[in-house]
Amino acid sequence: MLKISERKQGDILVLGLEGRLDASTSSTLETRLSGSIASGQIKIVLDFSSLDYISSAGLRVLLMGAKRTKNASGKLALAGLKSHVREVFDIAGFSSILSIFSSPDEATNSF
């Protein structure tokens, strides 16, 4: 199960993810990200504070989102990763590819 909450901070979209980002839920996030980017929302922070699990399917969606926002001269930033979720990013080599911050505020200030 994946819940996505949404709030705006100026021109930055902050999506809060809660639950699991895996093969059965990644399409939900992909649809939300694609729609947001298509409508011109190219500064996006994903708040992982309440995300308990991420799989390779979830990582793929994040890569797609990062690539699309970058192509539109925007940015995708991640924030608040729990240690076991951060470990997945480190092992997969994604920590050096994606912008990761300790808190949503730190991420929004990076824009």
PDB file of N, CA and C in Angstrom:
ATOM      1  N   MET A   1       0.843  -1.192   0.000  1.00  0.00           N
ATOM      2  CA  MET A   1       0.000   0.000   0.000  1.00  0.00           C
ATOM      3  C   MET A   1       0.881   1.246   0.000  1.00  0.00           C
ATOM      4  N   LEU A   2       0.536   2.206  -0.841  1.00  0.00           N
ATOM      5  CA  LEU A   2       1.264   3.467  -0.916  1.00  0.00           C
ATOM      6  C   LEU A   2       0.260   4.609  -0.854  1.00  0.00           C
ATOM      7  N   LYS A   3       0.486   5.503   0.092  1.00  0.00           N
ATOM      8  CA  LYS A   3      -0.328   6.722   0.181  1.00  0.00           C
ATOM      9  C   LYS A   3       0.553   7.883  -0.243  1.00  0.00           C
ATOM     10  N   ILE A   4      -0.031   8.793  -1.034  1.00  0.00           N
ATOM     11  CA  ILE A   4       0.710   9.961  -1.485  1.00  0.00           C
ATOM     12  C   ILE A   4      -0.050  11.212  -1.057  1.00  0.00           C
ATOM     13  N   SER A   5       0.604  12.041  -0.254  1.00  0.00           N
ATOM     14  CA  SER A   5       0.012  13.326   0.114  1.00  0.00           C
ATOM     15  C   SER A   5       0.719  14.405  -0.693  1.00  0.00           C
ATOM     16  N   GLU A   6       0.052  15.545  -0.835  1.00  0.00           N
ATOM     17  CA  GLU A   6       0.606  16.590  -1.692  1.00  0.00           C
ATOM     18  C   GLU A   6       0.451  17.945  -1.022  1.00  0.00           C
ATOM     19  N   ARG A   7       1.505  18.744  -1.090  1.00  0.00           N
ATOM     20  CA  ARG A   7       1.422  20.126  -0.639  1.00  0.00           C
ATOM     21  C   ARG A   7       2.366  20.970  -1.486  1.00  0.00           C
ATOM     22  N   LYS A   8       2.080  22.249  -1.554  1.00  0.00           N
ATOM     23  CA  LYS A   8       2.914  23.157  -2.327  1.00  0.00           C
ATOM     24  C   LYS A   8       3.700  24.038  -1.369  1.00  0.00           C
ATOM     25  N   GLN A   9       4.936  24.287  -1.708  1.00  0.00           N
ATOM     26  CA  GLN A   9       5.770  25.218  -0.969  1.00  0.00           C
ATOM     27  C   GLN A   9       6.323  26.185  -2.004  1.00  0.00           C
ATOM     28  N   GLY A  10       5.619  27.284  -2.201  1.00  0.00           N
ATOM     29  CA  GLY A  10       5.961  28.194  -3.288  1.00  0.00           C
ATOM     30  C   GLY A  10       5.698  27.494  -4.614  1.00  0.00           C
ATOM     31  N   ASP A  11       6.712  27.453  -5.472  1.00  0.00           N
ATOM     32  CA  ASP A  11       6.544  26.756  -6.758  1.00  0.00           C
ATOM     33  C   ASP A  11       7.074  25.328  -6.703  1.00  0.00           C
ATOM     34  N   ILE A  12       7.280  24.826  -5.495  1.00  0.00           N
ATOM     35  CA  ILE A  12       7.797  23.464  -5.322  1.00  0.00           C
ATOM     36  C   ILE A  12       6.674  22.541  -4.858  1.00  0.00           C
ATOM     37  N   LEU A  13       6.543  21.406  -5.531  1.00  0.00           N
ATOM     38  CA  LEU A  13       5.565  20.390  -5.157  1.00  0.00           C
ATOM     39  C   LEU A  13       6.239  19.398  -4.212  1.00  0.00           C
ATOM     40  N   VAL A  14       5.651  19.202  -3.030  1.00  0.00           N
ATOM     41  CA  VAL A  14       6.174  18.234  -2.074  1.00  0.00           C
ATOM     42  C   VAL A  14       5.194  17.070  -1.996  1.00  0.00           C
ATOM     43  N   LEU A  15       5.660  15.887  -2.400  1.00  0.00           N
ATOM     44  CA  LEU A  15       4.836  14.682  -2.322  1.00  0.00           C
ATOM     45  C   LEU A  15       5.335  13.827  -1.161  1.00  0.00           C
ATOM     46  N   GLY A  16       4.458  13.560  -0.221  1.00  0.00           N
ATOM     47  CA  GLY A  16       4.799  12.711   0.914  1.00  0.00           C
ATOM     48  C   GLY A  16       4.404  11.276   0.602  1.00  0.00           C
ATOM     49  N   LEU A  17       5.348  10.367   0.716  1.00  0.00           N
ATOM     50  CA  LEU A  17       5.091   8.955   0.424  1.00  0.00           C
ATOM     51  C   LEU A  17       5.021   8.181   1.732  1.00  0.00           C
ATOM     52  N   GLU A  18       3.965   7.365   1.851  1.00  0.00           N
ATOM     53  CA  GLU A  18       3.785   6.572   3.064  1.00  0.00           C
ATOM     54  C   GLU A  18       3.494   5.127   2.684  1.00  0.00           C
ATOM     55  N   GLY A  19       4.234   4.208   3.286  1.00  0.00           N
ATOM     56  CA  GLY A  19       4.001   2.788   3.029  1.00  0.00           C
ATOM     57  C   GLY A  19       5.137   2.156   2.247  1.00  0.00           C
ATOM     58  N   ARG A  20       4.759   1.461   1.165  1.00  0.00           N
ATOM     59  CA  ARG A  20       5.723   0.709   0.367  1.00  0.00           C
ATOM     60  C   ARG A  20       5.702   1.169  -1.089  1.00  0.00           C
ATOM     61  N   LEU A  21       6.890   1.354  -1.644  1.00  0.00           N
ATOM     62  CA  LEU A  21       7.025   1.691  -3.060  1.00  0.00           C
ATOM     63  C   LEU A  21       7.644   0.471  -3.725  1.00  0.00           C
ATOM     64  N   ASP A  22       6.781  -0.360  -4.310  1.00  0.00           N
ATOM     65  CA  ASP A  22       7.248  -1.619  -4.892  1.00  0.00           C
ATOM     66  C   ASP A  22       6.549  -1.862  -6.231  1.00  0.00           C
ATOM     67  N   ALA A  23       6.670  -3.072  -6.750  1.00  0.00           N
ATOM     68  CA  ALA A  23       6.115  -3.397  -8.070  1.00  0.00           C
ATOM     69  C   ALA A  23       4.616  -3.141  -8.142  1.00  0.00           C
ATOM     70  N   SER A  24       3.902  -3.373  -7.048  1.00  0.00           N
ATOM     71  CA  SER A  24       2.441  -3.206  -7.087  1.00  0.00           C
ATOM     72  C   SER A  24       1.997  -1.755  -6.876  1.00  0.00           C
ATOM     73  N   THR A  25       2.879  -0.896  -6.383  1.00  0.00           N
ATOM     74  CA  THR A  25       2.481   0.492  -6.112  1.00  0.00           C
ATOM     75  C   THR A  25       3.242   1.527  -6.937  1.00  0.00           C
ATOM     76  N   SER A  26       4.297   1.117  -7.612  1.00  0.00           N
ATOM     77  CA  SER A  26       5.143   2.091  -8.316  1.00  0.00           C
ATOM     78  C   SER A  26       4.396   2.813  -9.432  1.00  0.00           C
ATOM     79  N   SER A  27       3.412   2.145 -10.050  1.00  0.00           N
ATOM     80  CA  SER A  27       2.661   2.798 -11.130  1.00  0.00           C
ATOM     81  C   SER A  27       1.849   3.983 -10.601  1.00  0.00           C
ATOM     82  N   THR A  28       1.421   3.917  -9.342  1.00  0.00           N
ATOM     83  CA  THR A  28       0.684   5.025  -8.737  1.00  0.00           C
ATOM     84  C   THR A  28       1.564   6.270  -8.688  1.00  0.00           C
ATOM     85  N   LEU A  29       2.802   6.104  -8.224  1.00  0.00           N
ATOM     86  CA  LEU A  29       3.729   7.231  -8.158  1.00  0.00           C
ATOM     87  C   LEU A  29       4.125   7.688  -9.557  1.00  0.00           C
ATOM     88  N   GLU A  30       4.342   6.742 -10.449  1.00  0.00           N
ATOM     89  CA  GLU A  30       4.729   7.093 -11.818  1.00  0.00           C
ATOM     90  C   GLU A  30       3.654   7.959 -12.479  1.00  0.00           C
ATOM     91  N   THR A  31       2.388   7.581 -12.294  1.00  0.00           N
ATOM     92  CA  THR A  31       1.277   8.345 -12.859  1.00  0.00           C
ATOM     93  C   THR A  31       1.227   9.745 -12.260  1.00  0.00           C
ATOM     94  N   ARG A  32       1.399   9.849 -10.952  1.00  0.00           N
ATOM     95  CA  ARG A  32       1.352  11.147 -10.266  1.00  0.00           C
ATOM     96  C   ARG A  32       2.508  12.029 -10.730  1.00  0.00           C
ATOM     97  N   LEU A  33       3.717  11.470 -10.789  1.00  0.00           N
ATOM     98  CA  LEU A  33       4.879  12.242 -11.230  1.00  0.00           C
ATOM     99  C   LEU A  33       4.730  12.696 -12.686  1.00  0.00           C
ATOM    100  N   SER A  34       4.338  11.772 -13.544  1.00  0.00           N
ATOM    101  CA  SER A  34       4.194  12.094 -14.968  1.00  0.00           C
ATOM    102  C   SER A  34       3.178  13.211 -15.182  1.00  0.00           C
ATOM    103  N   GLY A  35       2.051  13.118 -14.475  1.00  0.00           N
ATOM    104  CA  GLY A  35       1.016  14.143 -14.590  1.00  0.00           C
ATOM    105  C   GLY A  35       1.497  15.491 -14.097  1.00  0.00           C
ATOM    106  N   SER A  36       2.206  15.495 -12.986  1.00  0.00           N
ATOM    107  CA  SER A  36       2.712  16.746 -12.420  1.00  0.00           C
ATOM    108  C   SER A  36       3.727  17.401 -13.358  1.00  0.00           C
ATOM    109  N   ILE A  37       4.647  16.601 -13.869  1.00  0.00           N
ATOM    110  CA  ILE A  37       5.685  17.120 -14.766  1.00  0.00           C
ATOM    111  C   ILE A  37       5.048  17.619 -16.060  1.00  0.00           C
ATOM    112  N   ALA A  38       4.083  16.854 -16.594  1.00  0.00           N
ATOM    113  CA  ALA A  38       3.408  17.247 -17.834  1.00  0.00           C
ATOM    114  C   ALA A  38       2.654  18.568 -17.672  1.00  0.00           C
ATOM    115  N   SER A  39       2.170  18.832 -16.455  1.00  0.00           N
ATOM    116  CA  SER A  39       1.437  20.082 -16.221  1.00  0.00           C
ATOM    117  C   SER A  39       2.359  21.237 -15.843  1.00  0.00           C
ATOM    118  N   GLY A  40       3.686  21.011 -15.947  1.00  0.00           N
ATOM    119  CA  GLY A  40       4.637  22.091 -15.728  1.00  0.00           C
ATOM    120  C   GLY A  40       5.238  22.153 -14.336  1.00  0.00           C
ATOM    121  N   GLN A  41       4.893  21.191 -13.494  1.00  0.00           N
ATOM    122  CA  GLN A  41       5.456  21.153 -12.135  1.00  0.00           C
ATOM    123  C   GLN A  41       6.800  20.431 -12.215  1.00  0.00           C
ATOM    124  N   ILE A  42       7.897  21.207 -12.294  1.00  0.00           N
ATOM    125  CA  ILE A  42       9.208  20.590 -12.525  1.00  0.00           C
ATOM    126  C   ILE A  42      10.149  20.707 -11.334  1.00  0.00           C
ATOM    127  N   LYS A  43       9.670  21.276 -10.229  1.00  0.00           N
ATOM    128  CA  LYS A  43      10.446  21.302  -8.987  1.00  0.00           C
ATOM    129  C   LYS A  43       9.683  20.435  -7.994  1.00  0.00           C
ATOM    130  N   ILE A  44      10.221  19.240  -7.756  1.00  0.00           N
ATOM    131  CA  ILE A  44       9.497  18.259  -6.950  1.00  0.00           C
ATOM    132  C   ILE A  44      10.391  17.704  -5.837  1.00  0.00           C
ATOM    133  N   VAL A  45       9.832  17.657  -4.628  1.00  0.00           N
ATOM    134  CA  VAL A  45      10.487  17.012  -3.499  1.00  0.00           C
ATOM    135  C   VAL A  45       9.648  15.803  -3.116  1.00  0.00           C
ATOM    136  N   LEU A  46      10.288  14.657  -2.998  1.00  0.00           N
ATOM    137  CA  LEU A  46       9.618  13.459  -2.504  1.00  0.00           C
ATOM    138  C   LEU A  46      10.041  13.262  -1.057  1.00  0.00           C
ATOM    139  N   ASP A  47       9.066  13.358  -0.157  1.00  0.00           N
ATOM    140  CA  ASP A  47       9.322  13.197   1.275  1.00  0.00           C
ATOM    141  C   ASP A  47       9.156  11.723   1.630  1.00  0.00           C
ATOM    142  N   PHE A  48      10.274  11.072   1.940  1.00  0.00           N
ATOM    143  CA  PHE A  48      10.296   9.638   2.239  1.00  0.00           C
ATOM    144  C   PHE A  48      10.195   9.343   3.734  1.00  0.00           C
ATOM    145  N   SER A  49       9.904  10.353   4.553  1.00  0.00           N
ATOM    146  CA  SER A  49       9.883  10.178   6.014  1.00  0.00           C
ATOM    147  C   SER A  49       9.015   9.015   6.478  1.00  0.00           C
ATOM    148  N   SER A  50       7.911   8.761   5.751  1.00  0.00           N
ATOM    149  CA  SER A  50       6.986   7.681   6.134  1.00  0.00           C
ATOM    150  C   SER A  50       7.040   6.501   5.178  1.00  0.00           C
ATOM    151  N   LEU A  51       8.072   6.460   4.322  1.00  0.00           N
ATOM    152  CA  LEU A  51       8.219   5.331   3.402  1.00  0.00           C
ATOM    153  C   LEU A  51       9.000   4.221   4.092  1.00  0.00           C
ATOM    154  N   ASP A  52       8.410   3.028   4.136  1.00  0.00           N
ATOM    155  CA  ASP A  52       9.025   1.914   4.856  1.00  0.00           C
ATOM    156  C   ASP A  52       9.840   0.980   3.969  1.00  0.00           C
ATOM    157  N   TYR A  53       9.575   1.006   2.650  1.00  0.00           N
ATOM    158  CA  TYR A  53      10.217   0.029   1.772  1.00  0.00           C
ATOM    159  C   TYR A  53      10.254   0.570   0.346  1.00  0.00           C
ATOM    160  N   ILE A  54      11.336   0.296  -0.358  1.00  0.00           N
ATOM    161  CA  ILE A  54      11.415   0.609  -1.786  1.00  0.00           C
ATOM    162  C   ILE A  54      12.072  -0.561  -2.509  1.00  0.00           C
ATOM    163  N   SER A  55      11.522  -0.913  -3.661  1.00  0.00           N
ATOM    164  CA  SER A  55      12.077  -2.006  -4.472  1.00  0.00           C
ATOM    165  C   SER A  55      12.710  -1.417  -5.728  1.00  0.00           C
ATOM    166  N   SER A  56      13.244  -2.276  -6.567  1.00  0.00           N
ATOM    167  CA  SER A  56      13.856  -1.826  -7.821  1.00  0.00           C
ATOM    168  C   SER A  56      12.821  -1.152  -8.721  1.00  0.00           C
ATOM    169  N   ALA A  57      11.571  -1.580  -8.639  1.00  0.00           N
ATOM    170  CA  ALA A  57      10.509  -0.942  -9.433  1.00  0.00           C
ATOM    171  C   ALA A  57      10.328   0.506  -8.983  1.00  0.00           C
ATOM    172  N   GLY A  58      10.426   0.737  -7.686  1.00  0.00           N
ATOM    173  CA  GLY A  58      10.335   2.092  -7.160  1.00  0.00           C
ATOM    174  C   GLY A  58      11.515   2.937  -7.578  1.00  0.00           C
ATOM    175  N   LEU A  59      12.703   2.350  -7.557  1.00  0.00           N
ATOM    176  CA  LEU A  59      13.911   3.059  -7.993  1.00  0.00           C
ATOM    177  C   LEU A  59      13.802   3.477  -9.454  1.00  0.00           C
ATOM    178  N   ARG A  60      13.232   2.611 -10.271  1.00  0.00           N
ATOM    179  CA  ARG A  60      13.062   2.908 -11.701  1.00  0.00           C
ATOM    180  C   ARG A  60      12.173   4.140 -11.893  1.00  0.00           C
ATOM    181  N   VAL A  61      11.088   4.226 -11.121  1.00  0.00           N
ATOM    182  CA  VAL A  61      10.186   5.372 -11.221  1.00  0.00           C
ATOM    183  C   VAL A  61      10.913   6.661 -10.827  1.00  0.00           C
ATOM    184  N   LEU A  62      11.756   6.575  -9.795  1.00  0.00           N
ATOM    185  CA  LEU A  62      12.503   7.756  -9.364  1.00  0.00           C
ATOM    186  C   LEU A  62      13.485   8.215 -10.437  1.00  0.00           C
ATOM    187  N   LEU A  63      14.149   7.258 -11.076  1.00  0.00           N
ATOM    188  CA  LEU A  63      15.067   7.606 -12.164  1.00  0.00           C
ATOM    189  C   LEU A  63      14.331   8.284 -13.302  1.00  0.00           C
ATOM    190  N   MET A  64      13.173   7.731 -13.658  1.00  0.00           N
ATOM    191  CA  MET A  64      12.350   8.304 -14.717  1.00  0.00           C
ATOM    192  C   MET A  64      11.952   9.735 -14.344  1.00  0.00           C
ATOM    193  N   GLY A  65      11.509   9.935 -13.106  1.00  0.00           N
ATOM    194  CA  GLY A  65      11.103  11.266 -12.659  1.00  0.00           C
ATOM    195  C   GLY A  65      12.245  12.256 -12.675  1.00  0.00           C
ATOM    196  N   ALA A  66      13.421  11.807 -12.219  1.00  0.00           N
ATOM    197  CA  ALA A  66      14.600  12.676 -12.203  1.00  0.00           C
ATOM    198  C   ALA A  66      14.994  13.069 -13.622  1.00  0.00           C
ATOM    199  N   LYS A  67      14.935  12.110 -14.533  1.00  0.00           N
ATOM    200  CA  LYS A  67      15.306  12.369 -15.922  1.00  0.00           C
ATOM    201  C   LYS A  67      14.325  13.357 -16.569  1.00  0.00           C
ATOM    202  N   ARG A  68      13.029  13.146 -16.328  1.00  0.00           N
ATOM    203  CA  ARG A  68      12.014  14.031 -16.932  1.00  0.00           C
ATOM    204  C   ARG A  68      12.082  15.451 -16.374  1.00  0.00           C
ATOM    205  N   THR A  69      12.289  15.585 -15.061  1.00  0.00           N
ATOM    206  CA  THR A  69      12.369  16.940 -14.503  1.00  0.00           C
ATOM    207  C   THR A  69      13.631  17.636 -15.000  1.00  0.00           C
ATOM    208  N   LYS A  70      14.729  16.905 -15.092  1.00  0.00           N
ATOM    209  CA  LYS A  70      15.978  17.489 -15.582  1.00  0.00           C
ATOM    210  C   LYS A  70      15.832  17.952 -17.033  1.00  0.00           C
ATOM    211  N   ASN A  71      15.186  17.131 -17.863  1.00  0.00           N
ATOM    212  CA  ASN A  71      14.966  17.489 -19.266  1.00  0.00           C
ATOM    213  C   ASN A  71      14.113  18.737 -19.400  1.00  0.00           C
ATOM    214  N   ALA A  72      13.276  19.004 -18.389  1.00  0.00           N
ATOM    215  CA  ALA A  72      12.407  20.183 -18.399  1.00  0.00           C
ATOM    216  C   ALA A  72      13.050  21.342 -17.619  1.00  0.00           C
ATOM    217  N   SER A  73      14.359  21.231 -17.347  1.00  0.00           N
ATOM    218  CA  SER A  73      15.113  22.235 -16.577  1.00  0.00           C
ATOM    219  C   SER A  73      14.618  22.374 -15.143  1.00  0.00           C
ATOM    220  N   GLY A  74      14.152  21.268 -14.583  1.00  0.00           N
ATOM    221  CA  GLY A  74      13.710  21.248 -13.195  1.00  0.00           C
ATOM    222  C   GLY A  74      14.573  20.306 -12.385  1.00  0.00           C
ATOM    223  N   LYS A  75      14.028  19.849 -11.259  1.00  0.00           N
ATOM    224  CA  LYS A  75      14.797  18.973 -10.386  1.00  0.00           C
ATOM    225  C   LYS A  75      13.862  18.128  -9.533  1.00  0.00           C
ATOM    226  N   LEU A  76      14.296  16.915  -9.267  1.00  0.00           N
ATOM    227  CA  LEU A  76      13.611  16.013  -8.351  1.00  0.00           C
ATOM    228  C   LEU A  76      14.552  15.783  -7.179  1.00  0.00           C
ATOM    229  N   ALA A  77      14.072  16.058  -5.973  1.00  0.00           N
ATOM    230  CA  ALA A  77      14.898  15.865  -4.780  1.00  0.00           C
ATOM    231  C   ALA A  77      14.184  14.915  -3.819  1.00  0.00           C
ATOM    232  N   LEU A  78      14.963  14.106  -3.127  1.00  0.00           N
ATOM    233  CA  LEU A  78      14.414  13.166  -2.149  1.00  0.00           C
ATOM    234  C   LEU A  78      14.810  13.629  -0.757  1.00  0.00           C
ATOM    235  N   ALA A  79      13.933  13.365   0.217  1.00  0.00           N
ATOM    236  CA  ALA A  79      14.206  13.832   1.577  1.00  0.00           C
ATOM    237  C   ALA A  79      13.697  12.836   2.613  1.00  0.00           C
ATOM    238  N   GLY A  80      14.368  12.827   3.763  1.00  0.00           N
ATOM    239  CA  GLY A  80      13.887  12.074   4.910  1.00  0.00           C
ATOM    240  C   GLY A  80      13.928  10.564   4.783  1.00  0.00           C
ATOM    241  N   LEU A  81      14.934  10.036   4.103  1.00  0.00           N
ATOM    242  CA  LEU A  81      15.020   8.583   3.927  1.00  0.00           C
ATOM    243  C   LEU A  81      15.378   7.898   5.248  1.00  0.00           C
ATOM    244  N   LYS A  82      14.621   6.871   5.597  1.00  0.00           N
ATOM    245  CA  LYS A  82      14.965   6.053   6.760  1.00  0.00           C
ATOM    246  C   LYS A  82      16.253   5.302   6.432  1.00  0.00           C
ATOM    247  N   SER A  83      16.994   4.897   7.451  1.00  0.00           N
ATOM    248  CA  SER A  83      18.308   4.292   7.216  1.00  0.00           C
ATOM    249  C   SER A  83      18.242   3.056   6.330  1.00  0.00           C
ATOM    250  N   HIS A  84      17.241   2.191   6.524  1.00  0.00           N
ATOM    251  CA  HIS A  84      17.177   0.972   5.702  1.00  0.00           C
ATOM    252  C   HIS A  84      16.764   1.278   4.258  1.00  0.00           C
ATOM    253  N   VAL A  85      16.034   2.374   4.040  1.00  0.00           N
ATOM    254  CA  VAL A  85      15.693   2.795   2.673  1.00  0.00           C
ATOM    255  C   VAL A  85      16.925   3.431   2.034  1.00  0.00           C
ATOM    256  N   ARG A  86      17.638   4.241   2.792  1.00  0.00           N
ATOM    257  CA  ARG A  86      18.857   4.880   2.286  1.00  0.00           C
ATOM    258  C   ARG A  86      19.882   3.820   1.876  1.00  0.00           C
ATOM    259  N   GLU A  87      19.920   2.729   2.631  1.00  0.00           N
ATOM    260  CA  GLU A  87      20.845   1.642   2.332  1.00  0.00           C
ATOM    261  C   GLU A  87      20.588   1.062   0.938  1.00  0.00           C
ATOM    262  N   VAL A  88      19.320   0.946   0.557  1.00  0.00           N
ATOM    263  CA  VAL A  88      18.963   0.452  -0.780  1.00  0.00           C
ATOM    264  C   VAL A  88      19.543   1.387  -1.840  1.00  0.00           C
ATOM    265  N   PHE A  89      19.430   2.699  -1.615  1.00  0.00           N
ATOM    266  CA  PHE A  89      19.972   3.682  -2.560  1.00  0.00           C
ATOM    267  C   PHE A  89      21.492   3.569  -2.644  1.00  0.00           C
ATOM    268  N   ASP A  90      22.133   3.384  -1.486  1.00  0.00           N
ATOM    269  CA  ASP A  90      23.589   3.260  -1.458  1.00  0.00           C
ATOM    270  C   ASP A  90      24.057   2.014  -2.206  1.00  0.00           C
ATOM    271  N   ILE A  91      23.412   0.892  -1.943  1.00  0.00           N
ATOM    272  CA  ILE A  91      23.781  -0.377  -2.584  1.00  0.00           C
ATOM    273  C   ILE A  91      23.562  -0.320  -4.094  1.00  0.00           C
ATOM    274  N   ALA A  92      22.452   0.306  -4.504  1.00  0.00           N
ATOM    275  CA  ALA A  92      22.121   0.390  -5.932  1.00  0.00           C
ATOM    276  C   ALA A  92      22.939   1.456  -6.660  1.00  0.00           C
ATOM    277  N   GLY A  93      23.668   2.272  -5.894  1.00  0.00           N
ATOM    278  CA  GLY A  93      24.459   3.332  -6.507  1.00  0.00           C
ATOM    279  C   GLY A  93      23.642   4.571  -6.850  1.00  0.00           C
ATOM    280  N   PHE A  94      22.433   4.663  -6.322  1.00  0.00           N
ATOM    281  CA  PHE A  94      21.553   5.789  -6.639  1.00  0.00           C
ATOM    282  C   PHE A  94      21.842   7.023  -5.788  1.00  0.00           C
ATOM    283  N   SER A  95      22.556   6.860  -4.694  1.00  0.00           N
ATOM    284  CA  SER A  95      22.850   7.994  -3.813  1.00  0.00           C
ATOM    285  C   SER A  95      23.666   9.052  -4.535  1.00  0.00           C
ATOM    286  N   SER A  96      24.486   8.623  -5.488  1.00  0.00           N
ATOM    287  CA  SER A  96      25.310   9.578  -6.224  1.00  0.00           C
ATOM    288  C   SER A  96      24.581  10.146  -7.444  1.00  0.00           C
ATOM    289  N   ILE A  97      23.475   9.520  -7.846  1.00  0.00           N
ATOM    290  CA  ILE A  97      22.727   9.947  -9.030  1.00  0.00           C
ATOM    291  C   ILE A  97      21.626  10.940  -8.656  1.00  0.00           C
ATOM    292  N   LEU A  98      20.945  10.682  -7.543  1.00  0.00           N
ATOM    293  CA  LEU A  98      19.801  11.491  -7.129  1.00  0.00           C
ATOM    294  C   LEU A  98      20.191  12.462  -6.025  1.00  0.00           C
ATOM    295  N   SER A  99      19.466  13.573  -5.952  1.00  0.00           N
ATOM    296  CA  SER A  99      19.684  14.569  -4.891  1.00  0.00           C
ATOM    297  C   SER A  99      18.937  14.120  -3.646  1.00  0.00           C
ATOM    298  N   ILE A 100      19.679  13.806  -2.583  1.00  0.00           N
ATOM    299  CA  ILE A 100      19.080  13.291  -1.353  1.00  0.00           C
ATOM    300  C   ILE A 100      19.414  14.230  -0.198  1.00  0.00           C
ATOM    301  N   PHE A 101      18.380  14.606   0.550  1.00  0.00           N
ATOM    302  CA  PHE A 101      18.540  15.542   1.663  1.00  0.00           C
ATOM    303  C   PHE A 101      17.953  14.929   2.932  1.00  0.00           C
ATOM    304  N   SER A 102      18.415  15.427   4.085  1.00  0.00           N
ATOM    305  CA  SER A 102      17.972  14.840   5.353  1.00  0.00           C
ATOM    306  C   SER A 102      16.552  15.228   5.720  1.00  0.00           C
ATOM    307  N   SER A 103      16.073  16.391   5.239  1.00  0.00           N
ATOM    308  CA  SER A 103      14.712  16.813   5.577  1.00  0.00           C
ATOM    309  C   SER A 103      14.051  17.479   4.371  1.00  0.00           C
ATOM    310  N   PRO A 104      12.706  17.499   4.351  1.00  0.00           N
ATOM    311  CA  PRO A 104      12.002  18.183   3.259  1.00  0.00           C
ATOM    312  C   PRO A 104      12.377  19.662   3.163  1.00  0.00           C
ATOM    313  N   ASP A 105      12.576  20.319   4.324  1.00  0.00           N
ATOM    314  CA  ASP A 105      12.967  21.740   4.301  1.00  0.00           C
ATOM    315  C   ASP A 105      14.315  21.930   3.629  1.00  0.00           C
ATOM    316  N   GLU A 106      15.253  21.060   3.962  1.00  0.00           N
ATOM    317  CA  GLU A 106      16.584  21.134   3.345  1.00  0.00           C
ATOM    318  C   GLU A 106      16.470  20.919   1.842  1.00  0.00           C
ATOM    319  N   ALA A 107      15.612  19.999   1.430  1.00  0.00           N
ATOM    320  CA  ALA A 107      15.424  19.725   0.008  1.00  0.00           C
ATOM    321  C   ALA A 107      14.805  20.926  -0.707  1.00  0.00           C
ATOM    322  N   THR A 108      13.756  21.528  -0.111  1.00  0.00           N
ATOM    323  CA  THR A 108      13.123  22.677  -0.779  1.00  0.00           C
ATOM    324  C   THR A 108      14.081  23.861  -0.833  1.00  0.00           C
ATOM    325  N   ASN A 109      14.926  24.017   0.164  1.00  0.00           N
ATOM    326  CA  ASN A 109      15.907  25.110   0.157  1.00  0.00           C
ATOM    327  C   ASN A 109      16.987  24.915  -0.899  1.00  0.00           C
ATOM    328  N   SER A 110      17.105  23.700  -1.454  1.00  0.00           N
ATOM    329  CA  SER A 110      18.144  23.418  -2.442  1.00  0.00           C
ATOM    330  C   SER A 110      17.784  23.936  -3.833  1.00  0.00           C
ATOM    331  N   PHE A 111      16.528  24.350  -4.011  1.00  0.00           N
ATOM    332  CA  PHE A 111      16.095  24.805  -5.343  1.00  0.00           C
ATOM    333  C   PHE A 111      16.522  26.229  -5.611  1.00  0.00           C
TER     334      PHE A 111
END
